[in-house]
């Protein structure tokens, strides 16, 4: 069993990653927001999405890999939040 601080840090990191994924999605929909910073964002997000895309290819222009990764991260965050910590 991991200490509570580890679960807390993991939960915060996954939350930050989910936020970055949402920003990445919004930027992909609104090209005028793109800039050099989006290249760095892509370097963080794309390595996670690429393996999922190999298993679940885009369907008619709809990239389901984003949704799969988002749901899996939400599930892991709920597991981390539900981990009982003893004082």
N, C-alpha and C. Protein backbone atom coordinates (compact mmCIF):
# COMPACT_ATOMS: atom_id res chain seq x y z
N UNK A 1 0.84 -1.17 0.00
CA UNK A 1 0.00 0.00 0.00
C UNK A 1 0.89 1.24 0.00
N UNK A 2 0.59 2.17 -0.88
CA UNK A 2 1.38 3.39 -0.98
C UNK A 2 0.92 4.42 0.05
N UNK A 3 1.84 5.23 0.52
CA UNK A 3 1.45 6.28 1.47
C UNK A 3 0.48 7.29 0.83
N UNK A 4 -0.26 7.95 1.68
CA UNK A 4 -1.27 8.91 1.21
C UNK A 4 -0.68 10.01 0.36
N UNK A 5 0.52 10.46 0.68
CA UNK A 5 1.13 11.54 -0.07
C UNK A 5 1.38 11.13 -1.52
N UNK A 6 1.72 9.87 -1.74
CA UNK A 6 1.95 9.38 -3.11
C UNK A 6 0.65 9.40 -3.89
N UNK A 7 -0.44 8.94 -3.27
CA UNK A 7 -1.75 8.96 -3.95
C UNK A 7 -2.16 10.39 -4.25
N UNK A 8 -1.89 11.29 -3.32
CA UNK A 8 -2.25 12.69 -3.52
C UNK A 8 -1.47 13.29 -4.69
N UNK A 9 -0.18 13.03 -4.75
CA UNK A 9 0.66 13.56 -5.83
C UNK A 9 0.23 12.96 -7.17
N UNK A 10 -0.01 11.65 -7.20
CA UNK A 10 -0.47 11.02 -8.44
C UNK A 10 -1.79 11.60 -8.92
N UNK A 11 -2.69 11.82 -8.00
CA UNK A 11 -3.98 12.38 -8.35
C UNK A 11 -3.83 13.78 -8.95
N UNK A 12 -2.97 14.58 -8.35
CA UNK A 12 -2.74 15.93 -8.86
C UNK A 12 -2.05 15.91 -10.23
N UNK A 13 -1.10 15.00 -10.42
CA UNK A 13 -0.43 14.90 -11.72
C UNK A 13 -1.40 14.46 -12.81
N UNK A 14 -2.25 13.48 -12.50
CA UNK A 14 -3.24 13.04 -13.48
C UNK A 14 -4.24 14.16 -13.78
N UNK A 15 -4.60 14.92 -12.77
CA UNK A 15 -5.50 16.05 -12.97
C UNK A 15 -4.88 17.10 -13.88
N UNK A 16 -3.61 17.38 -13.67
CA UNK A 16 -2.89 18.33 -14.52
C UNK A 16 -2.81 17.81 -15.95
N UNK A 17 -2.54 16.52 -16.09
CA UNK A 17 -2.46 15.93 -17.44
C UNK A 17 -3.82 16.01 -18.14
N UNK A 18 -4.90 15.77 -17.41
CA UNK A 18 -6.23 15.89 -18.00
C UNK A 18 -6.49 17.32 -18.45
N UNK A 19 -6.08 18.27 -17.66
CA UNK A 19 -6.23 19.68 -18.04
C UNK A 19 -5.43 19.98 -19.31
N UNK A 20 -4.20 19.48 -19.38
CA UNK A 20 -3.40 19.68 -20.58
C UNK A 20 -4.04 19.03 -21.80
N UNK A 21 -4.66 17.86 -21.60
CA UNK A 21 -5.36 17.20 -22.71
C UNK A 21 -6.53 18.05 -23.20
N UNK A 22 -7.26 18.65 -22.27
CA UNK A 22 -8.38 19.50 -22.67
C UNK A 22 -7.90 20.72 -23.43
N UNK A 23 -6.82 21.33 -22.98
CA UNK A 23 -6.25 22.48 -23.70
C UNK A 23 -5.81 22.05 -25.10
N UNK A 24 -5.20 20.89 -25.20
CA UNK A 24 -4.75 20.36 -26.50
C UNK A 24 -5.95 20.15 -27.44
N UNK A 25 -7.04 19.66 -26.90
CA UNK A 25 -8.24 19.44 -27.71
C UNK A 25 -8.81 20.77 -28.19
N UNK A 26 -8.90 21.74 -27.31
CA UNK A 26 -9.45 23.05 -27.69
C UNK A 26 -8.57 23.70 -28.76
N UNK A 27 -7.27 23.60 -28.60
CA UNK A 27 -6.35 24.19 -29.59
C UNK A 27 -6.50 23.49 -30.94
N UNK A 28 -6.79 22.20 -30.93
CA UNK A 28 -6.96 21.50 -32.20
C UNK A 28 -8.24 21.96 -32.91
N UNK A 29 -9.23 22.42 -32.16
CA UNK A 29 -10.48 22.90 -32.75
C UNK A 29 -10.40 24.35 -33.20
N UNK A 30 -9.53 25.14 -32.56
CA UNK A 30 -9.43 26.58 -32.86
C UNK A 30 -7.99 26.87 -33.30
N UNK A 31 -7.73 26.76 -34.60
CA UNK A 31 -6.35 26.92 -35.10
C UNK A 31 -5.72 28.28 -34.80
N UNK A 32 -6.51 29.32 -34.61
CA UNK A 32 -5.93 30.64 -34.34
C UNK A 32 -5.22 30.70 -32.99
N UNK A 33 -5.46 29.73 -32.13
CA UNK A 33 -4.79 29.70 -30.82
C UNK A 33 -3.41 29.03 -30.89
N UNK A 34 -3.12 28.40 -32.00
CA UNK A 34 -1.86 27.67 -32.11
C UNK A 34 -0.67 28.61 -32.10
N UNK A 35 0.40 28.09 -31.55
CA UNK A 35 1.65 28.83 -31.48
C UNK A 35 2.77 27.84 -31.19
N UNK A 36 3.93 28.37 -30.89
CA UNK A 36 5.09 27.51 -30.58
C UNK A 36 4.81 26.66 -29.34
N UNK A 37 4.04 27.20 -28.40
CA UNK A 37 3.75 26.49 -27.16
C UNK A 37 2.96 25.20 -27.41
N UNK A 38 2.20 25.16 -28.51
CA UNK A 38 1.42 23.95 -28.78
C UNK A 38 2.32 22.79 -29.20
N UNK A 39 3.51 23.10 -29.74
CA UNK A 39 4.46 22.03 -30.06
C UNK A 39 4.92 21.33 -28.78
N UNK A 40 5.16 22.11 -27.75
CA UNK A 40 5.57 21.53 -26.46
C UNK A 40 4.42 20.74 -25.83
N UNK A 41 3.22 21.25 -25.99
CA UNK A 41 2.05 20.55 -25.49
C UNK A 41 1.88 19.21 -26.21
N UNK A 42 2.09 19.22 -27.51
CA UNK A 42 1.99 17.99 -28.30
C UNK A 42 3.06 16.98 -27.88
N UNK A 43 4.25 17.46 -27.48
CA UNK A 43 5.30 16.55 -27.04
C UNK A 43 4.92 15.83 -25.75
N UNK A 44 4.01 16.40 -24.98
CA UNK A 44 3.56 15.79 -23.74
C UNK A 44 2.35 14.88 -23.98
N UNK A 45 1.46 15.28 -24.86
CA UNK A 45 0.20 14.57 -25.05
C UNK A 45 0.30 13.44 -26.09
N UNK A 46 0.94 13.70 -27.21
CA UNK A 46 0.96 12.73 -28.31
C UNK A 46 1.59 11.37 -27.96
N UNK A 47 2.66 11.31 -27.16
CA UNK A 47 3.22 9.98 -26.85
C UNK A 47 2.23 9.06 -26.13
N UNK A 48 1.25 9.61 -25.46
CA UNK A 48 0.24 8.79 -24.79
C UNK A 48 -0.86 8.41 -25.78
N UNK A 49 -1.22 9.32 -26.67
CA UNK A 49 -2.30 9.06 -27.61
C UNK A 49 -1.89 8.13 -28.75
N UNK A 50 -0.64 8.17 -29.17
CA UNK A 50 -0.18 7.40 -30.33
C UNK A 50 -0.38 5.88 -30.16
N UNK A 51 0.01 5.28 -29.04
CA UNK A 51 -0.21 3.83 -28.91
C UNK A 51 -1.71 3.45 -28.93
N UNK A 52 -2.53 4.33 -28.38
CA UNK A 52 -3.97 4.06 -28.37
C UNK A 52 -4.52 4.16 -29.79
N UNK A 53 -3.99 5.08 -30.58
CA UNK A 53 -4.41 5.22 -31.98
C UNK A 53 -4.07 3.99 -32.81
N UNK A 54 -2.99 3.29 -32.44
CA UNK A 54 -2.63 2.07 -33.16
C UNK A 54 -3.68 0.99 -32.94
N UNK A 55 -4.27 0.98 -31.75
CA UNK A 55 -5.29 -0.01 -31.42
C UNK A 55 -6.67 0.43 -31.91
N UNK A 56 -6.99 1.71 -31.71
CA UNK A 56 -8.28 2.26 -32.09
C UNK A 56 -8.04 3.41 -33.07
N UNK A 57 -8.05 3.12 -34.37
CA UNK A 57 -7.81 4.21 -35.34
C UNK A 57 -8.97 5.20 -35.38
N UNK A 58 -8.71 6.42 -35.85
CA UNK A 58 -9.78 7.41 -35.97
C UNK A 58 -10.90 6.91 -36.87
N UNK A 59 -12.13 7.17 -36.49
CA UNK A 59 -13.30 6.75 -37.26
C UNK A 59 -13.96 7.97 -37.89
N UNK A 60 -13.86 8.09 -39.18
CA UNK A 60 -14.49 9.20 -39.88
C UNK A 60 -14.05 10.57 -39.39
N UNK A 61 -12.79 10.71 -39.06
CA UNK A 61 -12.28 11.99 -38.57
C UNK A 61 -12.43 12.18 -37.07
N UNK A 62 -13.07 11.25 -36.40
CA UNK A 62 -13.25 11.35 -34.95
C UNK A 62 -12.17 10.51 -34.26
N UNK A 63 -11.32 11.18 -33.49
CA UNK A 63 -10.23 10.51 -32.79
C UNK A 63 -10.72 10.01 -31.43
N UNK A 64 -10.95 8.71 -31.36
CA UNK A 64 -11.44 8.12 -30.12
C UNK A 64 -10.33 7.87 -29.10
N UNK A 65 -9.08 7.95 -29.53
CA UNK A 65 -7.97 7.71 -28.59
C UNK A 65 -7.98 8.73 -27.46
N UNK A 66 -8.33 9.95 -27.78
CA UNK A 66 -8.42 11.00 -26.77
C UNK A 66 -9.44 10.61 -25.70
N UNK A 67 -10.60 10.16 -26.14
CA UNK A 67 -11.67 9.79 -25.22
C UNK A 67 -11.26 8.58 -24.37
N UNK A 68 -10.60 7.61 -24.97
CA UNK A 68 -10.17 6.41 -24.24
C UNK A 68 -9.16 6.79 -23.15
N UNK A 69 -8.16 7.58 -23.51
CA UNK A 69 -7.15 7.99 -22.53
C UNK A 69 -7.79 8.83 -21.42
N UNK A 70 -8.69 9.70 -21.80
CA UNK A 70 -9.37 10.55 -20.81
C UNK A 70 -10.15 9.70 -19.81
N UNK A 71 -10.89 8.71 -20.30
CA UNK A 71 -11.68 7.84 -19.42
C UNK A 71 -10.78 7.00 -18.52
N UNK A 72 -9.70 6.47 -19.08
CA UNK A 72 -8.78 5.66 -18.27
C UNK A 72 -8.15 6.51 -17.17
N UNK A 73 -7.73 7.73 -17.50
CA UNK A 73 -7.15 8.60 -16.48
C UNK A 73 -8.17 8.96 -15.40
N UNK A 74 -9.41 9.19 -15.80
CA UNK A 74 -10.46 9.46 -14.82
C UNK A 74 -10.65 8.26 -13.89
N UNK A 75 -10.63 7.07 -14.46
CA UNK A 75 -10.78 5.85 -13.67
C UNK A 75 -9.63 5.70 -12.66
N UNK A 76 -8.41 5.94 -13.12
CA UNK A 76 -7.24 5.84 -12.23
C UNK A 76 -7.32 6.90 -11.13
N UNK A 77 -7.76 8.09 -11.49
CA UNK A 77 -7.89 9.15 -10.48
C UNK A 77 -8.93 8.77 -9.42
N UNK A 78 -10.03 8.15 -9.84
CA UNK A 78 -11.04 7.72 -8.87
C UNK A 78 -10.50 6.62 -7.96
N UNK A 79 -9.69 5.72 -8.53
CA UNK A 79 -9.07 4.69 -7.70
C UNK A 79 -8.13 5.33 -6.68
N UNK A 80 -7.36 6.31 -7.13
CA UNK A 80 -6.42 6.98 -6.21
C UNK A 80 -7.18 7.76 -5.15
N UNK A 81 -8.28 8.40 -5.52
CA UNK A 81 -9.05 9.17 -4.55
C UNK A 81 -9.76 8.25 -3.56
N UNK A 82 -10.12 7.06 -4.00
CA UNK A 82 -10.83 6.14 -3.13
C UNK A 82 -9.92 5.31 -2.24
N UNK A 83 -8.62 5.45 -2.42
CA UNK A 83 -7.66 4.70 -1.61
C UNK A 83 -7.73 5.16 -0.16
N UNK A 84 -8.07 4.25 0.74
CA UNK A 84 -8.16 4.66 2.14
C UNK A 84 -6.76 4.97 2.72
N UNK A 85 -6.70 6.07 3.41
CA UNK A 85 -5.44 6.48 4.05
C UNK A 85 -5.66 6.50 5.55
N UNK A 86 -4.77 5.85 6.24
CA UNK A 86 -4.87 5.86 7.70
C UNK A 86 -3.93 6.93 8.24
N UNK A 87 -4.40 7.71 9.19
CA UNK A 87 -3.57 8.79 9.75
C UNK A 87 -2.40 8.30 10.56
